[in-house]
All heavy atoms as atom14 arrays in JSON, in Angstrom:
{
  "sequence": "GAFTGGGTSGPVDARGRIANGMLSIYISPQHFGTAAEFKRTAEDYVAW",
  "atom14_mask": [
    [1, 1, 1, 1, 0, 0, 0, 0, 0, 0, 0, 0, 0, 0],
    [1, 1, 1, 1, 1, 0, 0, 0, 0, 0, 0, 0, 0, 0],
    [1, 1, 1, 1, 1, 1, 1, 1, 1, 1, 1, 0, 0, 0],
    [1, 1, 1, 1, 1, 1, 1, 0, 0, 0, 0, 0, 0, 0],
    [1, 1, 1, 1, 0, 0, 0, 0, 0, 0, 0, 0, 0, 0],
    [1, 1, 1, 1, 0, 0, 0, 0, 0, 0, 0, 0, 0, 0],
    [1, 1, 1, 1, 0, 0, 0, 0, 0, 0, 0, 0, 0, 0],
    [1, 1, 1, 1, 1, 1, 1, 0, 0, 0, 0, 0, 0, 0],
    [1, 1, 1, 1, 1, 1, 0, 0, 0, 0, 0, 0, 0, 0],
    [1, 1, 1, 1, 0, 0, 0, 0, 0, 0, 0, 0, 0, 0],
    [1, 1, 1, 1, 1, 1, 1, 0, 0, 0, 0, 0, 0, 0],
    [1, 1, 1, 1, 1, 1, 1, 0, 0, 0, 0, 0, 0, 0],
    [1, 1, 1, 1, 1, 1, 1, 1, 0, 0, 0, 0, 0, 0],
    [1, 1, 1, 1, 1, 0, 0, 0, 0, 0, 0, 0, 0, 0],
    [1, 1, 1, 1, 1, 1, 1, 1, 1, 1, 1, 0, 0, 0],
    [1, 1, 1, 1, 0, 0, 0, 0, 0, 0, 0, 0, 0, 0],
    [1, 1, 1, 1, 1, 1, 1, 1, 1, 1, 1, 0, 0, 0],
    [1, 1, 1, 1, 1, 1, 1, 1, 0, 0, 0, 0, 0, 0],
    [1, 1, 1, 1, 1, 0, 0, 0, 0, 0, 0, 0, 0, 0],
    [1, 1, 1, 1, 1, 1, 1, 1, 0, 0, 0, 0, 0, 0],
    [1, 1, 1, 1, 0, 0, 0, 0, 0, 0, 0, 0, 0, 0],
    [1, 1, 1, 1, 1, 1, 1, 1, 0, 0, 0, 0, 0, 0],
    [1, 1, 1, 1, 1, 1, 1, 1, 0, 0, 0, 0, 0, 0],
    [1, 1, 1, 1, 1, 1, 0, 0, 0, 0, 0, 0, 0, 0],
    [1, 1, 1, 1, 1, 1, 1, 1, 0, 0, 0, 0, 0, 0],
    [1, 1, 1, 1, 1, 1, 1, 1, 1, 1, 1, 1, 0, 0],
    [1, 1, 1, 1, 1, 1, 1, 1, 0, 0, 0, 0, 0, 0],
    [1, 1, 1, 1, 1, 1, 0, 0, 0, 0, 0, 0, 0, 0],
    [1, 1, 1, 1, 1, 1, 1, 0, 0, 0, 0, 0, 0, 0],
    [1, 1, 1, 1, 1, 1, 1, 1, 1, 0, 0, 0, 0, 0],
    [1, 1, 1, 1, 1, 1, 1, 1, 1, 1, 0, 0, 0, 0],
    [1, 1, 1, 1, 1, 1, 1, 1, 1, 1, 1, 0, 0, 0],
    [1, 1, 1, 1, 0, 0, 0, 0, 0, 0, 0, 0, 0, 0],
    [1, 1, 1, 1, 1, 1, 1, 0, 0, 0, 0, 0, 0, 0],
    [1, 1, 1, 1, 1, 0, 0, 0, 0, 0, 0, 0, 0, 0],
    [1, 1, 1, 1, 1, 0, 0, 0, 0, 0, 0, 0, 0, 0],
    [1, 1, 1, 1, 1, 1, 1, 1, 1, 0, 0, 0, 0, 0],
    [1, 1, 1, 1, 1, 1, 1, 1, 1, 1, 1, 0, 0, 0],
    [1, 1, 1, 1, 1, 1, 1, 1, 1, 0, 0, 0, 0, 0],
    [1, 1, 1, 1, 1, 1, 1, 1, 1, 1, 1, 0, 0, 0],
    [1, 1, 1, 1, 1, 1, 1, 0, 0, 0, 0, 0, 0, 0],
    [1, 1, 1, 1, 1, 0, 0, 0, 0, 0, 0, 0, 0, 0],
    [1, 1, 1, 1, 1, 1, 1, 1, 1, 0, 0, 0, 0, 0],
    [1, 1, 1, 1, 1, 1, 1, 1, 0, 0, 0, 0, 0, 0],
    [1, 1, 1, 1, 1, 1, 1, 1, 1, 1, 1, 1, 0, 0],
    [1, 1, 1, 1, 1, 1, 1, 0, 0, 0, 0, 0, 0, 0],
    [1, 1, 1, 1, 1, 0, 0, 0, 0, 0, 0, 0, 0, 0],
    [1, 1, 1, 1, 1, 1, 1, 1, 1, 1, 1, 1, 1, 1]
  ],
  "atom14_positions": [
    [[-11.55, -3.09, 2.16], [-12.98, -2.94, 2.38], [-13.47, -3.6, 3.6], [-13.77, -2.94, 4.74], [0.0, 0.0, 0.0], [0.0, 0.0, 0.0], [0.0, 0.0, 0.0], [0.0, 0.0, 0.0], [0.0, 0.0, 0.0], [0.0, 0.0, 0.0], [0.0, 0.0, 0.0], [0.0, 0.0, 0.0], [0.0, 0.0, 0.0], [0.0, 0.0, 0.0]],
    [[-13.45, -4.93, 3.68], [-13.8, -5.68, 4.82], [-12.92, -5.48, 5.95], [-13.41, -5.35, 7.1], [-13.83, -7.28, 4.44], [0.0, 0.0, 0.0], [0.0, 0.0, 0.0], [0.0, 0.0, 0.0], [0.0, 0.0, 0.0], [0.0, 0.0, 0.0], [0.0, 0.0, 0.0], [0.0, 0.0, 0.0], [0.0, 0.0, 0.0], [0.0, 0.0, 0.0]],
    [[-11.58, -5.54, 5.84], [-10.6, -5.45, 6.96], [-10.63, -4.16, 7.59], [-10.64, -3.96, 8.87], [-9.23, -5.79, 6.49], [-8.2, -5.63, 7.56], [-8.11, -6.5, 8.67], [-7.27, -4.68, 7.59], [-7.31, -6.43, 9.62], [-6.42, -4.52, 8.55], [-6.33, -5.35, 9.6], [0.0, 0.0, 0.0], [0.0, 0.0, 0.0], [0.0, 0.0, 0.0]],
    [[-10.77, -2.96, 6.82], [-10.77, -1.62, 7.34], [-12.15, -1.4, 8.2], [-12.17, -0.48, 8.95], [-10.57, -0.62, 6.39], [-11.64, -0.63, 5.52], [-9.24, -0.72, 5.57], [0.0, 0.0, 0.0], [0.0, 0.0, 0.0], [0.0, 0.0, 0.0], [0.0, 0.0, 0.0], [0.0, 0.0, 0.0], [0.0, 0.0, 0.0], [0.0, 0.0, 0.0]],
    [[-13.27, -2.1, 7.76], [-14.41, -1.86, 8.34], [-15.37, -0.86, 7.58], [-16.45, -0.41, 8.07], [0.0, 0.0, 0.0], [0.0, 0.0, 0.0], [0.0, 0.0, 0.0], [0.0, 0.0, 0.0], [0.0, 0.0, 0.0], [0.0, 0.0, 0.0], [0.0, 0.0, 0.0], [0.0, 0.0, 0.0], [0.0, 0.0, 0.0], [0.0, 0.0, 0.0]],
    [[-14.73, -0.36, 6.42], [-15.48, 0.5, 5.67], [-16.5, -0.02, 4.73], [-17.38, 0.75, 4.21], [0.0, 0.0, 0.0], [0.0, 0.0, 0.0], [0.0, 0.0, 0.0], [0.0, 0.0, 0.0], [0.0, 0.0, 0.0], [0.0, 0.0, 0.0], [0.0, 0.0, 0.0], [0.0, 0.0, 0.0], [0.0, 0.0, 0.0], [0.0, 0.0, 0.0]],
    [[-16.45, -1.31, 4.52], [-17.42, -1.94, 3.64], [-16.77, -2.3, 2.23], [-15.86, -1.6, 1.74], [0.0, 0.0, 0.0], [0.0, 0.0, 0.0], [0.0, 0.0, 0.0], [0.0, 0.0, 0.0], [0.0, 0.0, 0.0], [0.0, 0.0, 0.0], [0.0, 0.0, 0.0], [0.0, 0.0, 0.0], [0.0, 0.0, 0.0], [0.0, 0.0, 0.0]],
    [[-17.31, -3.32, 1.67], [-16.97, -3.72, 0.42], [-17.67, -3.03, -0.72], [-18.54, -2.08, -0.48], [-17.0, -5.32, 0.28], [-18.28, -5.62, 0.51], [-16.22, -5.93, 1.2], [0.0, 0.0, 0.0], [0.0, 0.0, 0.0], [0.0, 0.0, 0.0], [0.0, 0.0, 0.0], [0.0, 0.0, 0.0], [0.0, 0.0, 0.0], [0.0, 0.0, 0.0]],
    [[-17.51, -3.44, -1.98], [-18.19, -2.9, -3.09], [-19.69, -2.99, -3.17], [-20.34, -2.26, -3.89], [-17.63, -3.36, -4.34], [-17.81, -4.75, -4.58], [0.0, 0.0, 0.0], [0.0, 0.0, 0.0], [0.0, 0.0, 0.0], [0.0, 0.0, 0.0], [0.0, 0.0, 0.0], [0.0, 0.0, 0.0], [0.0, 0.0, 0.0], [0.0, 0.0, 0.0]],
    [[-20.24, -3.87, -2.46], [-21.69, -4.0, -2.35], [-22.18, -4.71, -1.2], [-21.43, -5.25, -0.45], [0.0, 0.0, 0.0], [0.0, 0.0, 0.0], [0.0, 0.0, 0.0], [0.0, 0.0, 0.0], [0.0, 0.0, 0.0], [0.0, 0.0, 0.0], [0.0, 0.0, 0.0], [0.0, 0.0, 0.0], [0.0, 0.0, 0.0], [0.0, 0.0, 0.0]],
    [[-23.5, -4.65, -0.95], [-24.5, -3.87, -1.76], [-24.39, -2.32, -1.6], [-23.77, -1.88, -0.6], [-25.86, -4.44, -1.15], [-25.38, -4.69, 0.26], [-24.01, -5.33, 0.2], [0.0, 0.0, 0.0], [0.0, 0.0, 0.0], [0.0, 0.0, 0.0], [0.0, 0.0, 0.0], [0.0, 0.0, 0.0], [0.0, 0.0, 0.0], [0.0, 0.0, 0.0]],
    [[-24.91, -1.61, -2.53], [-24.78, -0.22, -2.51], [-25.56, 0.42, -1.39], [-26.55, 0.04, -1.05], [-25.31, 0.37, -3.86], [-25.24, 1.85, -3.97], [-24.58, -0.29, -5.03], [0.0, 0.0, 0.0], [0.0, 0.0, 0.0], [0.0, 0.0, 0.0], [0.0, 0.0, 0.0], [0.0, 0.0, 0.0], [0.0, 0.0, 0.0], [0.0, 0.0, 0.0]],
    [[-24.9, 1.48, -0.81], [-25.51, 2.26, 0.32], [-26.87, 2.79, -0.21], [-26.95, 3.29, -1.3], [-24.54, 3.44, 0.57], [-24.98, 4.19, 1.69], [-26.03, 5.07, 1.6], [-24.43, 4.32, 2.78], [0.0, 0.0, 0.0], [0.0, 0.0, 0.0], [0.0, 0.0, 0.0], [0.0, 0.0, 0.0], [0.0, 0.0, 0.0], [0.0, 0.0, 0.0]],
    [[-27.8, 2.8, 0.66], [-29.13, 3.22, 0.32], [-29.2, 4.56, -0.13], [-30.01, 5.04, -1.0], [-30.05, 3.03, 1.56], [0.0, 0.0, 0.0], [0.0, 0.0, 0.0], [0.0, 0.0, 0.0], [0.0, 0.0, 0.0], [0.0, 0.0, 0.0], [0.0, 0.0, 0.0], [0.0, 0.0, 0.0], [0.0, 0.0, 0.0], [0.0, 0.0, 0.0]],
    [[-28.31, 5.52, 0.39], [-28.16, 6.85, -0.07], [-27.44, 7.06, -1.44], [-27.39, 8.18, -1.94], [-27.55, 7.72, 0.96], [-28.26, 7.77, 2.33], [-27.47, 8.68, 3.26], [-27.46, 10.08, 2.73], [-26.46, 11.08, 3.08], [-25.59, 10.69, 3.87], [-26.55, 12.11, 2.49], [0.0, 0.0, 0.0], [0.0, 0.0, 0.0], [0.0, 0.0, 0.0]],
    [[-26.79, 6.07, -1.87], [-26.1, 6.23, -3.1], [-24.62, 6.75, -2.86], [-23.89, 6.98, -3.73], [0.0, 0.0, 0.0], [0.0, 0.0, 0.0], [0.0, 0.0, 0.0], [0.0, 0.0, 0.0], [0.0, 0.0, 0.0], [0.0, 0.0, 0.0], [0.0, 0.0, 0.0], [0.0, 0.0, 0.0], [0.0, 0.0, 0.0], [0.0, 0.0, 0.0]],
    [[-24.29, 6.75, -1.56], [-22.91, 7.34, -1.22], [-21.9, 6.29, -1.43], [-22.16, 5.01, -1.08], [-22.83, 7.81, 0.38], [-21.46, 7.97, 0.9], [-21.63, 8.33, 2.38], [-21.75, 9.6, 2.73], [-21.95, 10.18, 3.75], [-22.35, 9.36, 4.81], [-21.98, 11.49, 3.97], [0.0, 0.0, 0.0], [0.0, 0.0, 0.0], [0.0, 0.0, 0.0]],
    [[-20.81, 6.67, -1.85], [-19.6, 5.77, -1.94], [-18.43, 6.19, -1.14], [-18.41, 7.4, -0.61], [-19.0, 5.66, -3.4], [-18.47, 7.02, -3.82], [-20.14, 5.28, -4.4], [-17.54, 6.82, -5.08], [0.0, 0.0, 0.0], [0.0, 0.0, 0.0], [0.0, 0.0, 0.0], [0.0, 0.0, 0.0], [0.0, 0.0, 0.0], [0.0, 0.0, 0.0]],
    [[-17.54, 5.29, -0.7], [-16.49, 5.8, 0.09], [-15.31, 4.89, -0.17], [-15.52, 3.66, -0.38], [-16.81, 5.66, 1.61], [0.0, 0.0, 0.0], [0.0, 0.0, 0.0], [0.0, 0.0, 0.0], [0.0, 0.0, 0.0], [0.0, 0.0, 0.0], [0.0, 0.0, 0.0], [0.0, 0.0, 0.0], [0.0, 0.0, 0.0], [0.0, 0.0, 0.0]],
    [[-14.08, 5.36, -0.08], [-12.84, 4.65, -0.31], [-12.43, 4.01, 0.98], [-12.52, 4.69, 2.08], [-11.72, 5.49, -0.8], [-11.85, 5.63, -2.38], [-11.41, 6.64, -2.98], [-12.27, 4.64, -3.09], [0.0, 0.0, 0.0], [0.0, 0.0, 0.0], [0.0, 0.0, 0.0], [0.0, 0.0, 0.0], [0.0, 0.0, 0.0], [0.0, 0.0, 0.0]],
    [[-11.82, 2.87, 0.97], [-10.96, 2.24, 1.97], [-9.63, 2.1, 1.5], [-9.4, 1.87, 0.3], [0.0, 0.0, 0.0], [0.0, 0.0, 0.0], [0.0, 0.0, 0.0], [0.0, 0.0, 0.0], [0.0, 0.0, 0.0], [0.0, 0.0, 0.0], [0.0, 0.0, 0.0], [0.0, 0.0, 0.0], [0.0, 0.0, 0.0], [0.0, 0.0, 0.0]],
    [[-8.64, 2.16, 2.24], [-7.22, 2.05, 1.9], [-6.38, 1.38, 3.01], [-6.35, 1.89, 4.17], [-6.63, 3.43, 1.45], [-5.15, 3.35, 0.98], [-4.61, 4.77, 0.14], [-4.46, 5.99, 1.49], [0.0, 0.0, 0.0], [0.0, 0.0, 0.0], [0.0, 0.0, 0.0], [0.0, 0.0, 0.0], [0.0, 0.0, 0.0], [0.0, 0.0, 0.0]],
    [[-5.87, 0.25, 2.65], [-4.82, -0.34, 3.62], [-3.47, -0.17, 3.07], [-3.19, -0.6, 1.94], [-5.27, -1.88, 3.64], [-4.22, -2.6, 4.65], [-4.5, -2.27, 6.07], [-4.37, -4.14, 4.53], [0.0, 0.0, 0.0], [0.0, 0.0, 0.0], [0.0, 0.0, 0.0], [0.0, 0.0, 0.0], [0.0, 0.0, 0.0], [0.0, 0.0, 0.0]],
    [[-2.65, 0.48, 3.84], [-1.3, 0.85, 3.35], [-0.18, 0.28, 4.32], [-0.42, 0.36, 5.54], [-1.15, 2.38, 3.37], [-2.13, 3.01, 2.52], [0.0, 0.0, 0.0], [0.0, 0.0, 0.0], [0.0, 0.0, 0.0], [0.0, 0.0, 0.0], [0.0, 0.0, 0.0], [0.0, 0.0, 0.0], [0.0, 0.0, 0.0], [0.0, 0.0, 0.0]],
    [[0.82, -0.16, 3.69], [1.95, -0.6, 4.4], [3.19, 0.13, 4.11], [3.48, 0.53, 2.95], [2.13, -2.22, 3.96], [1.06, -2.97, 4.22], [3.42, -2.78, 4.72], [1.05, -4.43, 3.63], [0.0, 0.0, 0.0], [0.0, 0.0, 0.0], [0.0, 0.0, 0.0], [0.0, 0.0, 0.0], [0.0, 0.0, 0.0], [0.0, 0.0, 0.0]],
    [[3.9, 0.69, 5.03], [5.05, 1.48, 5.04], [6.31, 0.77, 5.55], [6.28, 0.17, 6.63], [4.76, 2.9, 5.66], [3.72, 3.62, 5.14], [2.44, 3.37, 5.74], [3.73, 4.49, 4.17], [1.27, 4.09, 5.22], [2.67, 5.17, 3.65], [1.33, 4.99, 4.2], [0.25, 5.54, 3.8], [0.0, 0.0, 0.0], [0.0, 0.0, 0.0]],
    [[7.36, 0.88, 4.78], [8.73, 0.12, 5.17], [9.79, 1.12, 5.03], [10.04, 1.77, 4.01], [8.82, -1.16, 4.31], [7.6, -2.03, 4.33], [10.1, -1.83, 4.74], [7.72, -3.11, 3.16], [0.0, 0.0, 0.0], [0.0, 0.0, 0.0], [0.0, 0.0, 0.0], [0.0, 0.0, 0.0], [0.0, 0.0, 0.0], [0.0, 0.0, 0.0]],
    [[10.59, 1.07, 6.0], [11.81, 2.09, 6.02], [13.05, 1.15, 5.88], [13.46, 0.33, 6.79], [11.93, 2.62, 7.38], [13.13, 3.35, 7.48], [0.0, 0.0, 0.0], [0.0, 0.0, 0.0], [0.0, 0.0, 0.0], [0.0, 0.0, 0.0], [0.0, 0.0, 0.0], [0.0, 0.0, 0.0], [0.0, 0.0, 0.0], [0.0, 0.0, 0.0]],
    [[13.62, 1.35, 4.62], [14.87, 0.42, 4.38], [15.97, 0.73, 5.42], [16.8, -0.09, 5.68], [15.23, 0.92, 2.96], [14.0, 1.36, 2.29], [13.22, 1.95, 3.42], [0.0, 0.0, 0.0], [0.0, 0.0, 0.0], [0.0, 0.0, 0.0], [0.0, 0.0, 0.0], [0.0, 0.0, 0.0], [0.0, 0.0, 0.0], [0.0, 0.0, 0.0]],
    [[16.0, 2.03, 5.86], [17.04, 2.45, 6.73], [16.96, 1.61, 7.93], [17.98, 1.28, 8.62], [16.95, 3.93, 7.07], [17.89, 4.44, 8.04], [17.91, 6.0, 8.26], [17.05, 6.6, 7.56], [18.5, 6.51, 9.24], [0.0, 0.0, 0.0], [0.0, 0.0, 0.0], [0.0, 0.0, 0.0], [0.0, 0.0, 0.0], [0.0, 0.0, 0.0]],
    [[15.8, 1.41, 8.58], [15.55, 0.7, 9.88], [16.04, -0.89, 9.64], [16.35, -1.47, 10.59], [14.2, 0.79, 10.26], [13.94, 1.99, 10.88], [13.7, 3.12, 10.22], [13.72, 2.28, 12.21], [13.42, 4.17, 11.02], [13.45, 3.73, 12.29], [0.0, 0.0, 0.0], [0.0, 0.0, 0.0], [0.0, 0.0, 0.0], [0.0, 0.0, 0.0]],
    [[15.93, -1.37, 8.52], [16.27, -2.68, 8.14], [17.78, -2.88, 8.03], [18.33, -4.04, 7.79], [15.52, -3.31, 6.91], [14.01, -3.73, 7.27], [13.1, -2.66, 7.47], [13.78, -4.98, 7.31], [11.82, -3.08, 7.78], [12.4, -5.37, 7.73], [11.45, -4.37, 7.91], [0.0, 0.0, 0.0], [0.0, 0.0, 0.0], [0.0, 0.0, 0.0]],
    [[18.45, -1.72, 7.96], [19.93, -1.76, 7.81], [20.36, -2.07, 6.5], [21.54, -2.48, 6.23], [0.0, 0.0, 0.0], [0.0, 0.0, 0.0], [0.0, 0.0, 0.0], [0.0, 0.0, 0.0], [0.0, 0.0, 0.0], [0.0, 0.0, 0.0], [0.0, 0.0, 0.0], [0.0, 0.0, 0.0], [0.0, 0.0, 0.0], [0.0, 0.0, 0.0]],
    [[19.37, -1.96, 5.43], [19.8, -2.38, 3.97], [19.54, -1.2, 3.15], [19.59, -1.36, 1.9], [18.72, -3.36, 3.62], [17.43, -2.94, 3.68], [18.94, -4.61, 4.47], [0.0, 0.0, 0.0], [0.0, 0.0, 0.0], [0.0, 0.0, 0.0], [0.0, 0.0, 0.0], [0.0, 0.0, 0.0], [0.0, 0.0, 0.0], [0.0, 0.0, 0.0]],
    [[19.44, 0.06, 3.56], [19.2, 1.12, 2.68], [20.16, 1.32, 1.65], [19.81, 1.51, 0.39], [19.1, 2.46, 3.68], [0.0, 0.0, 0.0], [0.0, 0.0, 0.0], [0.0, 0.0, 0.0], [0.0, 0.0, 0.0], [0.0, 0.0, 0.0], [0.0, 0.0, 0.0], [0.0, 0.0, 0.0], [0.0, 0.0, 0.0], [0.0, 0.0, 0.0]],
    [[21.52, 1.43, 1.93], [22.41, 1.72, 0.79], [22.51, 0.47, -0.07], [22.46, 0.74, -1.36], [23.8, 1.98, 1.49], [0.0, 0.0, 0.0], [0.0, 0.0, 0.0], [0.0, 0.0, 0.0], [0.0, 0.0, 0.0], [0.0, 0.0, 0.0], [0.0, 0.0, 0.0], [0.0, 0.0, 0.0], [0.0, 0.0, 0.0], [0.0, 0.0, 0.0]],
    [[22.58, -0.59, 0.37], [22.63, -1.89, -0.53], [21.33, -1.93, -1.32], [21.38, -2.35, -2.5], [22.94, -3.05, 0.28], [23.05, -4.46, -0.46], [24.27, -4.24, -1.41], [24.98, -3.53, -1.32], [24.09, -5.18, -2.45], [0.0, 0.0, 0.0], [0.0, 0.0, 0.0], [0.0, 0.0, 0.0], [0.0, 0.0, 0.0], [0.0, 0.0, 0.0]],
    [[20.15, -1.84, -0.64], [18.9, -1.89, -1.35], [18.81, -0.89, -2.56], [18.46, -1.22, -3.74], [17.8, -1.59, -0.44], [16.52, -1.23, -1.1], [15.71, -2.18, -1.84], [16.01, 0.12, -1.06], [14.55, -1.9, -2.44], [14.81, 0.39, -1.68], [14.14, -0.48, -2.38], [0.0, 0.0, 0.0], [0.0, 0.0, 0.0], [0.0, 0.0, 0.0]],
    [[19.37, 0.3, -2.22], [19.19, 1.36, -3.26], [20.11, 1.1, -4.47], [19.74, 1.13, -5.71], [19.67, 2.74, -2.65], [19.3, 4.0, -3.6], [19.44, 5.23, -2.73], [18.97, 6.54, -3.57], [19.61, 6.74, -4.84], [0.0, 0.0, 0.0], [0.0, 0.0, 0.0], [0.0, 0.0, 0.0], [0.0, 0.0, 0.0], [0.0, 0.0, 0.0]],
    [[21.33, 0.67, -4.16], [22.36, 0.25, -5.21], [21.73, -0.91, -6.04], [21.72, -0.84, -7.29], [23.64, -0.08, -4.6], [24.8, -0.36, -5.6], [26.02, -1.01, -5.03], [25.81, -2.3, -4.5], [25.69, -3.45, -5.26], [25.75, -3.29, -6.54], [25.41, -4.57, -4.64], [0.0, 0.0, 0.0], [0.0, 0.0, 0.0], [0.0, 0.0, 0.0]],
    [[21.3, -1.95, -5.34], [20.86, -3.16, -6.04], [19.68, -2.8, -6.82], [19.55, -3.27, -8.08], [20.6, -4.31, -5.05], [21.78, -4.5, -4.25], [20.22, -5.57, -5.77], [0.0, 0.0, 0.0], [0.0, 0.0, 0.0], [0.0, 0.0, 0.0], [0.0, 0.0, 0.0], [0.0, 0.0, 0.0], [0.0, 0.0, 0.0], [0.0, 0.0, 0.0]],
    [[18.73, -2.14, -6.28], [17.44, -1.8, -6.99], [17.65, -0.93, -8.22], [17.19, -1.22, -9.31], [16.52, -1.02, -5.93], [0.0, 0.0, 0.0], [0.0, 0.0, 0.0], [0.0, 0.0, 0.0], [0.0, 0.0, 0.0], [0.0, 0.0, 0.0], [0.0, 0.0, 0.0], [0.0, 0.0, 0.0], [0.0, 0.0, 0.0], [0.0, 0.0, 0.0]],
    [[18.53, 0.05, -8.05], [18.8, 0.98, -9.2], [19.61, 0.27, -10.31], [19.41, 0.44, -11.54], [19.59, 2.24, -8.78], [18.65, 3.14, -7.82], [19.39, 4.29, -7.31], [20.65, 4.48, -7.49], [18.77, 5.04, -6.62], [0.0, 0.0, 0.0], [0.0, 0.0, 0.0], [0.0, 0.0, 0.0], [0.0, 0.0, 0.0], [0.0, 0.0, 0.0]],
    [[20.53, -0.67, -9.88], [21.21, -1.46, -10.95], [20.2, -2.41, -11.66], [20.27, -2.61, -12.93], [22.35, -2.38, -10.24], [23.56, -1.6, -9.95], [23.64, -0.35, -10.23], [24.36, -2.05, -9.18], [0.0, 0.0, 0.0], [0.0, 0.0, 0.0], [0.0, 0.0, 0.0], [0.0, 0.0, 0.0], [0.0, 0.0, 0.0], [0.0, 0.0, 0.0]],
    [[19.31, -2.89, -10.94], [18.24, -3.73, -11.61], [17.34, -2.93, -12.55], [17.07, -3.44, -13.61], [17.47, -4.37, -10.44], [16.39, -5.4, -11.13], [16.93, -6.61, -11.73], [15.11, -5.14, -11.11], [15.99, -7.53, -12.28], [14.22, -6.1, -11.64], [14.62, -7.26, -12.22], [13.78, -8.01, -12.87], [0.0, 0.0, 0.0], [0.0, 0.0, 0.0]],
    [[17.03, -1.79, -12.12], [16.08, -0.92, -13.03], [16.92, -0.7, -14.28], [16.27, -0.64, -15.43], [15.66, 0.37, -12.19], [15.05, 1.25, -13.17], [14.73, 0.03, -11.05], [0.0, 0.0, 0.0], [0.0, 0.0, 0.0], [0.0, 0.0, 0.0], [0.0, 0.0, 0.0], [0.0, 0.0, 0.0], [0.0, 0.0, 0.0], [0.0, 0.0, 0.0]],
    [[18.1, -0.26, -14.14], [18.91, 0.02, -15.2], [19.06, -1.23, -16.26], [18.98, -0.99, -17.47], [20.25, 0.53, -14.9], [0.0, 0.0, 0.0], [0.0, 0.0, 0.0], [0.0, 0.0, 0.0], [0.0, 0.0, 0.0], [0.0, 0.0, 0.0], [0.0, 0.0, 0.0], [0.0, 0.0, 0.0], [0.0, 0.0, 0.0], [0.0, 0.0, 0.0]],
    [[19.2, -2.38, -15.69], [19.36, -3.65, -16.39], [18.04, -3.98, -17.17], [18.07, -4.4, -18.31], [19.8, -4.77, -15.47], [20.0, -6.06, -16.27], [20.99, -6.31, -17.15], [19.25, -7.19, -16.27], [20.91, -7.6, -17.63], [19.96, -8.09, -17.15], [18.21, -7.65, -15.42], [19.4, -9.52, -17.33], [17.73, -8.95, -15.49], [18.32, -9.86, -16.48]]
  ]
}
C-alpha cells in the first residue's frame, strides 16, 4: 500500500472505491545456478 503509492487500508476513499496494491518479487533459480540442486533438495524436503 504505502510503498507502491496506491494507499493503505484507510482512511476510506470518499467515493467508497477500493483498490488493490501488490508488491511481487520474482526469482529465477536457473540464474542463480542452483536450479537442479534446488529442485532436488526442495522435492526431497517436501516428501520428508
